[in-house]
PDB file of N, CA and C in Angstrom:
ATOM      1  N   MET A   1     -10.290 -20.971   7.835  1.00  0.00           N
ATOM      2  CA  MET A   1     -11.101 -20.047   7.889  1.00  0.00           C
ATOM      3  C   MET A   1     -11.882 -19.953   9.348  1.00  0.00           C
ATOM      4  N   LYS A   2     -11.963 -19.514   9.972  1.00  0.00           N
ATOM      5  CA  LYS A   2     -13.225 -19.241  11.203  1.00  0.00           C
ATOM      6  C   LYS A   2     -14.317 -19.341  11.305  1.00  0.00           C
ATOM      7  N   TYR A   3     -14.999 -19.588  11.813  1.00  0.00           N
ATOM      8  CA  TYR A   3     -16.737 -19.614  11.509  1.00  0.00           C
ATOM      9  C   TYR A   3     -17.209 -18.971  12.876  1.00  0.00           C
ATOM     10  N   ILE A   4     -17.885 -18.411  13.215  1.00  0.00           N
ATOM     11  CA  ILE A   4     -18.751 -17.874  14.474  1.00  0.00           C
ATOM     12  C   ILE A   4     -19.423 -18.886  14.684  1.00  0.00           C
ATOM     13  N   ASP A   5     -19.911 -19.687  16.429  1.00  0.00           N
ATOM     14  CA  ASP A   5     -20.384 -21.163  16.926  1.00  0.00           C
ATOM     15  C   ASP A   5     -21.320 -20.621  17.579  1.00  0.00           C
ATOM     16  N   ILE A   6     -22.899 -19.990  16.846  1.00  0.00           N
ATOM     17  CA  ILE A   6     -24.249 -19.284  17.628  1.00  0.00           C
ATOM     18  C   ILE A   6     -25.133 -20.595  17.435  1.00  0.00           C
ATOM     19  N   PRO A   7     -26.196 -20.833  18.198  1.00  0.00           N
ATOM     20  CA  PRO A   7     -26.467 -21.951  17.746  1.00  0.00           C
ATOM     21  C   PRO A   7     -27.564 -21.708  17.644  1.00  0.00           C
ATOM     22  N   GLY A   8     -28.069 -21.856  16.414  1.00  0.00           N
ATOM     23  CA  GLY A   8     -29.243 -21.693  15.901  1.00  0.00           C
ATOM     24  C   GLY A   8     -28.538 -20.512  14.628  1.00  0.00           C
ATOM     25  N   ALA A   9     -27.405 -19.865  14.642  1.00  0.00           N
ATOM     26  CA  ALA A   9     -26.934 -18.793  13.519  1.00  0.00           C
ATOM     27  C   ALA A   9     -27.077 -19.074  11.563  1.00  0.00           C
ATOM     28  N   GLU A  10     -27.280 -20.562  11.623  1.00  0.00           N
ATOM     29  CA  GLU A  10     -27.734 -21.031  10.265  1.00  0.00           C
ATOM     30  C   GLU A  10     -28.578 -20.929   9.570  1.00  0.00           C
ATOM     31  N   GLN A  11     -29.971 -21.301  10.336  1.00  0.00           N
ATOM     32  CA  GLN A  11     -31.094 -20.257  10.616  1.00  0.00           C
ATOM     33  C   GLN A  11     -31.103 -19.171  10.380  1.00  0.00           C
ATOM     34  N   ARG A  12     -30.280 -18.088  11.177  1.00  0.00           N
ATOM     35  CA  ARG A  12     -30.496 -17.229  10.357  1.00  0.00           C
ATOM     36  C   ARG A  12     -29.786 -15.452   9.471  1.00  0.00           C
ATOM     37  N   ALA A  13     -28.866 -17.673   9.091  1.00  0.00           N
ATOM     38  CA  ALA A  13     -28.409 -16.639   7.815  1.00  0.00           C
ATOM     39  C   ALA A  13     -29.646 -15.565   6.385  1.00  0.00           C
ATOM     40  N   ILE A  14     -29.595 -14.243   6.159  1.00  0.00           N
ATOM     41  CA  ILE A  14     -30.729 -13.947   5.261  1.00  0.00           C
ATOM     42  C   ILE A  14     -29.982 -13.757   4.073  1.00  0.00           C
ATOM     43  N   MET A  15     -28.655 -14.269   4.133  1.00  0.00           N
ATOM     44  CA  MET A  15     -27.532 -13.581   2.662  1.00  0.00           C
ATOM     45  C   MET A  15     -26.682 -14.154   2.754  1.00  0.00           C
ATOM     46  N   ARG A  16     -25.615 -14.568   1.663  1.00  0.00           N
ATOM     47  CA  ARG A  16     -24.543 -15.213   2.061  1.00  0.00           C
ATOM     48  C   ARG A  16     -23.774 -14.895   0.272  1.00  0.00           C
ATOM     49  N   GLY A  17     -21.934 -14.407   0.597  1.00  0.00           N
ATOM     50  CA  GLY A  17     -21.915 -14.279  -0.951  1.00  0.00           C
ATOM     51  C   GLY A  17     -20.255 -14.617  -0.299  1.00  0.00           C
ATOM     52  N   ARG A  18     -19.377 -15.096  -1.746  1.00  0.00           N
ATOM     53  CA  ARG A  18     -17.384 -14.663  -1.524  1.00  0.00           C
ATOM     54  C   ARG A  18     -17.300 -14.078  -2.917  1.00  0.00           C
ATOM     55  N   ALA A  19     -16.247 -13.242  -2.131  1.00  0.00           N
ATOM     56  CA  ALA A  19     -15.536 -12.778  -3.372  1.00  0.00           C
ATOM     57  C   ALA A  19     -13.868 -12.659  -3.074  1.00  0.00           C
ATOM     58  N   ARG A  20     -13.448 -12.079  -4.304  1.00  0.00           N
ATOM     59  CA  ARG A  20     -12.736 -12.342  -4.115  1.00  0.00           C
ATOM     60  C   ARG A  20     -12.083 -10.524  -4.525  1.00  0.00           C
ATOM     61  N   ILE A  21     -11.429 -10.468  -3.254  1.00  0.00           N
ATOM     62  CA  ILE A  21     -10.808  -8.495  -2.968  1.00  0.00           C
ATOM     63  C   ILE A  21      -9.212  -8.351  -3.428  1.00  0.00           C
ATOM     64  N   ALA A  22      -8.468  -9.582  -3.701  1.00  0.00           N
ATOM     65  CA  ALA A  22      -7.438  -8.769  -4.448  1.00  0.00           C
ATOM     66  C   ALA A  22      -6.225 -10.494  -4.661  1.00  0.00           C
ATOM     67  N   PRO A  23      -6.095 -10.552  -5.183  1.00  0.00           N
ATOM     68  CA  PRO A  23      -5.382 -12.138  -6.447  1.00  0.00           C
ATOM     69  C   PRO A  23      -4.953 -12.748  -4.719  1.00  0.00           C
ATOM     70  N   LYS A  24      -4.408 -12.786  -3.675  1.00  0.00           N
ATOM     71  CA  LYS A  24      -4.110 -12.983  -2.719  1.00  0.00           C
ATOM     72  C   LYS A  24      -5.249 -13.147  -1.152  1.00  0.00           C
ATOM     73  N   TYR A  25      -6.184 -13.232  -1.567  1.00  0.00           N
ATOM     74  CA  TYR A  25      -7.075 -12.654  -0.452  1.00  0.00           C
ATOM     75  C   TYR A  25      -8.536 -12.617  -1.309  1.00  0.00           C
ATOM     76  N   SER A  26      -9.140 -13.690  -0.470  1.00  0.00           N
ATOM     77  CA  SER A  26     -11.212 -13.234  -0.845  1.00  0.00           C
ATOM     78  C   SER A  26     -11.573 -13.834   0.341  1.00  0.00           C
ATOM     79  N   VAL A  27     -12.665 -12.983   0.391  1.00  0.00           N
ATOM     80  CA  VAL A  27     -13.601 -13.248   2.018  1.00  0.00           C
ATOM     81  C   VAL A  27     -14.550 -13.429   2.086  1.00  0.00           C
ATOM     82  N   GLU A  28     -15.246 -13.996   2.886  1.00  0.00           N
ATOM     83  CA  GLU A  28     -16.939 -15.099   2.234  1.00  0.00           C
ATOM     84  C   GLU A  28     -18.093 -14.403   3.462  1.00  0.00           C
ATOM     85  N   ILE A  29     -19.038 -13.773   2.949  1.00  0.00           N
ATOM     86  CA  ILE A  29     -19.767 -12.592   3.686  1.00  0.00           C
ATOM     87  C   ILE A  29     -20.995 -13.088   4.417  1.00  0.00           C
ATOM     88  N   THR A  30     -21.497 -13.425   5.219  1.00  0.00           N
ATOM     89  CA  THR A  30     -22.741 -13.671   5.756  1.00  0.00           C
ATOM     90  C   THR A  30     -23.304 -12.809   6.287  1.00  0.00           C
ATOM     91  N   LEU A  31     -24.598 -12.312   5.868  1.00  0.00           N
ATOM     92  CA  LEU A  31     -25.762 -11.505   6.857  1.00  0.00           C
ATOM     93  C   LEU A  31     -26.960 -12.245   7.409  1.00  0.00           C
ATOM     94  N   TYR A  32     -26.917 -12.643   8.631  1.00  0.00           N
ATOM     95  CA  TYR A  32     -27.735 -12.682  10.075  1.00  0.00           C
ATOM     96  C   TYR A  32     -27.963 -11.759  10.459  1.00  0.00           C
ATOM     97  N   ASP A  33     -29.670 -12.359  10.770  1.00  0.00           N
ATOM     98  CA  ASP A  33     -30.752 -12.184  11.100  1.00  0.00           C
ATOM     99  C   ASP A  33     -31.223 -11.947  12.286  1.00  0.00           C
ATOM    100  N   PHE A  34     -31.340 -11.612  13.694  1.00  0.00           N
ATOM    101  CA  PHE A  34     -31.121 -12.020  15.795  1.00  0.00           C
ATOM    102  C   PHE A  34     -32.143 -11.727  15.486  1.00  0.00           C
ATOM    103  N   ASP A  35     -33.334 -11.547  15.393  1.00  0.00           N
ATOM    104  CA  ASP A  35     -34.828 -10.585  15.276  1.00  0.00           C
ATOM    105  C   ASP A  35     -34.751  -9.391  15.633  1.00  0.00           C
ATOM    106  N   GLY A  36     -33.954  -8.497  13.947  1.00  0.00           N
ATOM    107  CA  GLY A  36     -34.017  -7.366  14.273  1.00  0.00           C
ATOM    108  C   GLY A  36     -32.335  -6.472  13.819  1.00  0.00           C
ATOM    109  N   VAL A  37     -32.071  -7.749  15.103  1.00  0.00           N
ATOM    110  CA  VAL A  37     -30.317  -7.044  14.715  1.00  0.00           C
ATOM    111  C   VAL A  37     -29.885  -8.071  13.980  1.00  0.00           C
ATOM    112  N   PHE A  38     -28.404  -7.052  13.308  1.00  0.00           N
ATOM    113  CA  PHE A  38     -28.435  -7.635  11.863  1.00  0.00           C
ATOM    114  C   PHE A  38     -26.925  -7.727  12.677  1.00  0.00           C
ATOM    115  N   GLN A  39     -25.859  -8.661  12.298  1.00  0.00           N
ATOM    116  CA  GLN A  39     -24.472  -9.040  12.602  1.00  0.00           C
ATOM    117  C   GLN A  39     -25.039  -9.471  10.554  1.00  0.00           C
ATOM    118  N   THR A  40     -23.196  -9.150  10.359  1.00  0.00           N
ATOM    119  CA  THR A  40     -22.408  -9.377   9.183  1.00  0.00           C
ATOM    120  C   THR A  40     -20.913 -10.066   9.359  1.00  0.00           C
ATOM    121  N   GLU A  41     -21.019 -11.769   9.450  1.00  0.00           N
ATOM    122  CA  GLU A  41     -19.520 -12.291   9.733  1.00  0.00           C
ATOM    123  C   GLU A  41     -19.093 -12.406   8.890  1.00  0.00           C
ATOM    124  N   VAL A  42     -17.562 -11.731   8.771  1.00  0.00           N
ATOM    125  CA  VAL A  42     -16.466 -11.423   7.504  1.00  0.00           C
ATOM    126  C   VAL A  42     -15.599 -12.365   7.940  1.00  0.00           C
ATOM    127  N   ILE A  43     -15.468 -13.991   6.898  1.00  0.00           N
ATOM    128  CA  ILE A  43     -14.304 -14.473   6.988  1.00  0.00           C
ATOM    129  C   ILE A  43     -13.001 -14.110   6.313  1.00  0.00           C
ATOM    130  N   TRP A  44     -12.194 -14.328   6.077  1.00  0.00           N
ATOM    131  CA  TRP A  44     -11.661 -14.270   5.323  1.00  0.00           C
ATOM    132  C   TRP A  44     -10.202 -15.639   5.553  1.00  0.00           C
ATOM    133  N   ASP A  45      -9.935 -15.756   3.945  1.00  0.00           N
ATOM    134  CA  ASP A  45      -9.132 -16.750   3.482  1.00  0.00           C
ATOM    135  C   ASP A  45      -8.047 -15.690   2.533  1.00  0.00           C
ATOM    136  N   PRO A  46      -6.707 -16.751   2.771  1.00  0.00           N
ATOM    137  CA  PRO A  46      -6.404 -17.341   3.478  1.00  0.00           C
ATOM    138  C   PRO A  46      -5.982 -16.574   5.226  1.00  0.00           C
ATOM    139  N   TYR A  47      -6.248 -15.660   5.733  1.00  0.00           N
ATOM    140  CA  TYR A  47      -5.938 -14.902   7.161  1.00  0.00           C
ATOM    141  C   TYR A  47      -5.882 -13.784   6.655  1.00  0.00           C
ATOM    142  N   LEU A  48      -6.705 -12.732   7.639  1.00  0.00           N
ATOM    143  CA  LEU A  48      -6.450 -11.395   8.054  1.00  0.00           C
ATOM    144  C   LEU A  48      -5.431 -10.921   7.419  1.00  0.00           C
ATOM    145  N   PRO A  49      -6.015  -9.623   6.876  1.00  0.00           N
ATOM    146  CA  PRO A  49      -4.637  -9.104   6.143  1.00  0.00           C
ATOM    147  C   PRO A  49      -3.722  -8.073   7.025  1.00  0.00           C
ATOM    148  N   SER A  50      -2.608  -7.946   7.583  1.00  0.00           N
ATOM    149  CA  SER A  50      -2.000  -6.463   8.434  1.00  0.00           C
ATOM    150  C   SER A  50      -3.208  -5.290   7.750  1.00  0.00           C
ATOM    151  N   PRO A  51      -2.910  -4.703   9.519  1.00  0.00           N
ATOM    152  CA  PRO A  51      -3.742  -3.812   9.469  1.00  0.00           C
ATOM    153  C   PRO A  51      -3.233  -2.394   8.616  1.00  0.00           C
ATOM    154  N   SER A  52      -2.197  -1.998   7.699  1.00  0.00           N
ATOM    155  CA  SER A  52      -1.891  -1.766   6.977  1.00  0.00           C
ATOM    156  C   SER A  52      -2.517  -1.981   4.962  1.00  0.00           C
ATOM    157  N   LYS A  53      -2.683  -3.233   5.611  1.00  0.00           N
ATOM    158  CA  LYS A  53      -3.070  -4.318   3.590  1.00  0.00           C
ATOM    159  C   LYS A  53      -4.327  -3.753   3.533  1.00  0.00           C
ATOM    160  N   LEU A  54      -5.470  -3.814   4.868  1.00  0.00           N
ATOM    161  CA  LEU A  54      -6.297  -4.064   5.341  1.00  0.00           C
ATOM    162  C   LEU A  54      -7.222  -2.137   4.595  1.00  0.00           C
ATOM    163  N   ARG A  55      -5.793  -1.352   4.805  1.00  0.00           N
ATOM    164  CA  ARG A  55      -6.612  -0.147   5.052  1.00  0.00           C
ATOM    165  C   ARG A  55      -6.501   0.266   3.291  1.00  0.00           C
ATOM    166  N   LYS A  56      -5.411  -0.487   3.097  1.00  0.00           N
ATOM    167  CA  LYS A  56      -5.651  -0.310   0.987  1.00  0.00           C
ATOM    168  C   LYS A  56      -5.895  -0.544   0.380  1.00  0.00           C
ATOM    169  N   LEU A  57      -7.106  -1.905   1.012  1.00  0.00           N
ATOM    170  CA  LEU A  57      -8.176  -2.450   0.536  1.00  0.00           C
ATOM    171  C   LEU A  57      -9.221  -2.593   0.859  1.00  0.00           C
ATOM    172  N   ALA A  58      -9.626  -1.047   1.576  1.00  0.00           N
ATOM    173  CA  ALA A  58     -10.522  -0.734   1.972  1.00  0.00           C
ATOM    174  C   ALA A  58     -12.107  -0.443   0.633  1.00  0.00           C
ATOM    175  N   SER A  59     -11.265   0.210  -0.117  1.00  0.00           N
ATOM    176  CA  SER A  59     -12.308   0.549  -0.694  1.00  0.00           C
ATOM    177  C   SER A  59     -13.065  -1.250  -1.838  1.00  0.00           C
ATOM    178  N   LYS A  60     -12.538  -1.543  -1.610  1.00  0.00           N
ATOM    179  CA  LYS A  60     -12.529  -3.573  -2.456  1.00  0.00           C
ATOM    180  C   LYS A  60     -13.896  -3.217  -1.228  1.00  0.00           C
ATOM    181  N   ILE A  61     -13.214  -3.330   0.173  1.00  0.00           N
ATOM    182  CA  ILE A  61     -14.105  -4.338   1.408  1.00  0.00           C
ATOM    183  C   ILE A  61     -15.346  -3.535   1.474  1.00  0.00           C
ATOM    184  N   ASP A  62     -15.689  -1.915   0.885  1.00  0.00           N
ATOM    185  CA  ASP A  62     -17.076  -1.096   1.084  1.00  0.00           C
ATOM    186  C   ASP A  62     -17.824  -1.489   0.255  1.00  0.00           C
ATOM    187  N   ALA A  63     -17.104  -1.976  -1.332  1.00  0.00           N
ATOM    188  CA  ALA A  63     -17.760  -2.750  -1.976  1.00  0.00           C
ATOM    189  C   ALA A  63     -18.692  -3.744  -1.350  1.00  0.00           C
ATOM    190  N   VAL A  64     -18.070  -4.217  -1.946  1.00  0.00           N
ATOM    191  CA  VAL A  64     -18.149  -6.003  -1.452  1.00  0.00           C
ATOM    192  C   VAL A  64     -19.775  -5.564  -0.537  1.00  0.00           C
ATOM    193  N   LEU A  65     -19.252  -5.376   0.853  1.00  0.00           N
ATOM    194  CA  LEU A  65     -20.194  -4.971   1.682  1.00  0.00           C
ATOM    195  C   LEU A  65     -22.268  -4.574   0.686  1.00  0.00           C
ATOM    196  N   GLU A  66     -21.443  -3.724   0.138  1.00  0.00           N
ATOM    197  CA  GLU A  66     -22.058  -2.619   0.099  1.00  0.00           C
ATOM    198  C   GLU A  66     -23.528  -3.541   0.001  1.00  0.00           C
ATOM    199  N   PRO A  67     -23.620  -4.817  -0.980  1.00  0.00           N
ATOM    200  CA  PRO A  67     -25.665  -5.232  -1.249  1.00  0.00           C
ATOM    201  C   PRO A  67     -25.801  -6.136   0.262  1.00  0.00           C
ATOM    202  N   PHE A  68     -24.579  -5.831   0.922  1.00  0.00           N
ATOM    203  CA  PHE A  68     -25.399  -7.157   2.763  1.00  0.00           C
ATOM    204  C   PHE A  68     -26.451  -5.557   3.358  1.00  0.00           C
ATOM    205  N   HIS A  69     -25.037  -4.299   2.923  1.00  0.00           N
ATOM    206  CA  HIS A  69     -25.788  -2.952   3.778  1.00  0.00           C
ATOM    207  C   HIS A  69     -27.694  -3.010   2.819  1.00  0.00           C
ATOM    208  N   THR A  70     -27.322  -3.090   1.822  1.00  0.00           N
ATOM    209  CA  THR A  70     -28.475  -2.360   1.104  1.00  0.00           C
ATOM    210  C   THR A  70     -30.111  -3.916   1.204  1.00  0.00           C
ATOM    211  N   LYS A  71     -29.316  -4.471   1.127  1.00  0.00           N
ATOM    212  CA  LYS A  71     -30.425  -5.688   2.624  1.00  0.00           C
ATOM    213  C   LYS A  71     -31.031  -5.327   3.530  1.00  0.00           C
ATOM    214  N   VAL A  72     -30.584  -4.443   4.338  1.00  0.00           N
ATOM    215  CA  VAL A  72     -30.402  -4.664   5.395  1.00  0.00           C
ATOM    216  C   VAL A  72     -31.109  -3.608   5.562  1.00  0.00           C
ATOM    217  N   PHE A  73     -31.041  -2.534   4.596  1.00  0.00           N
ATOM    218  CA  PHE A  73     -31.883  -1.568   4.458  1.00  0.00           C
ATOM    219  C   PHE A  73     -33.218  -2.125   4.107  1.00  0.00           C
ATOM    220  N   GLU A  74     -33.506  -2.879   2.800  1.00  0.00           N
ATOM    221  CA  GLU A  74     -34.800  -3.435   2.618  1.00  0.00           C
ATOM    222  C   GLU A  74     -35.660  -3.681   3.622  1.00  0.00           C
ATOM    223  N   ILE A  75     -34.809  -5.030   4.678  1.00  0.00           N
ATOM    224  CA  ILE A  75     -35.809  -5.115   5.756  1.00  0.00           C
ATOM    225  C   ILE A  75     -36.626  -4.140   6.305  1.00  0.00           C
ATOM    226  N   ALA A  76     -35.287  -3.278   7.267  1.00  0.00           N
ATOM    227  CA  ALA A  76     -35.494  -2.679   8.399  1.00  0.00           C
ATOM    228  C   ALA A  76     -36.137  -2.049   8.390  1.00  0.00           C
ATOM    229  N   GLY A  77     -36.348  -1.428   6.501  1.00  0.00           N
ATOM    230  CA  GLY A  77     -36.998   0.278   6.452  1.00  0.00           C
ATOM    231  C   GLY A  77     -36.681   1.351   7.364  1.00  0.00           C
ATOM    232  N   PRO A  78     -37.180   2.469   6.820  1.00  0.00           N
ATOM    233  CA  PRO A  78     -36.075   4.000   7.311  1.00  0.00           C
ATOM    234  C   PRO A  78     -35.526   3.584   8.766  1.00  0.00           C
ATOM    235  N   LEU A  79     -34.737   4.613   8.709  1.00  0.00           N
ATOM    236  CA  LEU A  79     -34.852   4.826  10.388  1.00  0.00           C
ATOM    237  C   LEU A  79     -35.548   5.359  11.634  1.00  0.00           C
ATOM    238  N   GLU A  80     -35.755   5.311  12.636  1.00  0.00           N
ATOM    239  CA  GLU A  80     -36.133   6.507  13.372  1.00  0.00           C
ATOM    240  C   GLU A  80     -36.279   7.652  12.841  1.00  0.00           C
ATOM    241  N   GLY A  81     -37.216   9.009  12.609  1.00  0.00           N
ATOM    242  CA  GLY A  81     -36.543  10.114  12.660  1.00  0.00           C
ATOM    243  C   GLY A  81     -37.151  10.363  10.931  1.00  0.00           C
ATOM    244  N   GLU A  82     -36.618   9.049  10.381  1.00  0.00           N
ATOM    245  CA  GLU A  82     -36.376   9.726   8.707  1.00  0.00           C
ATOM    246  C   GLU A  82     -37.388   9.716   7.879  1.00  0.00           C
ATOM    247  N   ALA A  83     -38.327   9.895   6.859  1.00  0.00           N
ATOM    248  CA  ALA A  83     -39.063   9.897   5.799  1.00  0.00           C
ATOM    249  C   ALA A  83     -39.430   8.993   4.916  1.00  0.00           C
ATOM    250  N   SER A  84     -40.519   8.688   4.765  1.00  0.00           N
ATOM    251  CA  SER A  84     -39.801   7.063   4.302  1.00  0.00           C
ATOM    252  C   SER A  84     -40.179   7.006   2.657  1.00  0.00           C
TER     253      SER A  84
END
């Protein structure tokens, strides 16, 4: 697994999780808040699958990422122009 190398990133991590996507693959997900700019890091274990395999796993990946996206909306609030 490879990790990003951004100074101070660990202090900005607001959510972290690990999930098994398939018998062969799992992902470690970290959500960072860089002063209102949110970044999601997805690290594949043991390695990033091929593009065709990623397409087959897309719905499982989306399900695992949903709580992270929800957290961003909770923190950031409604988008400009949206009713609250």
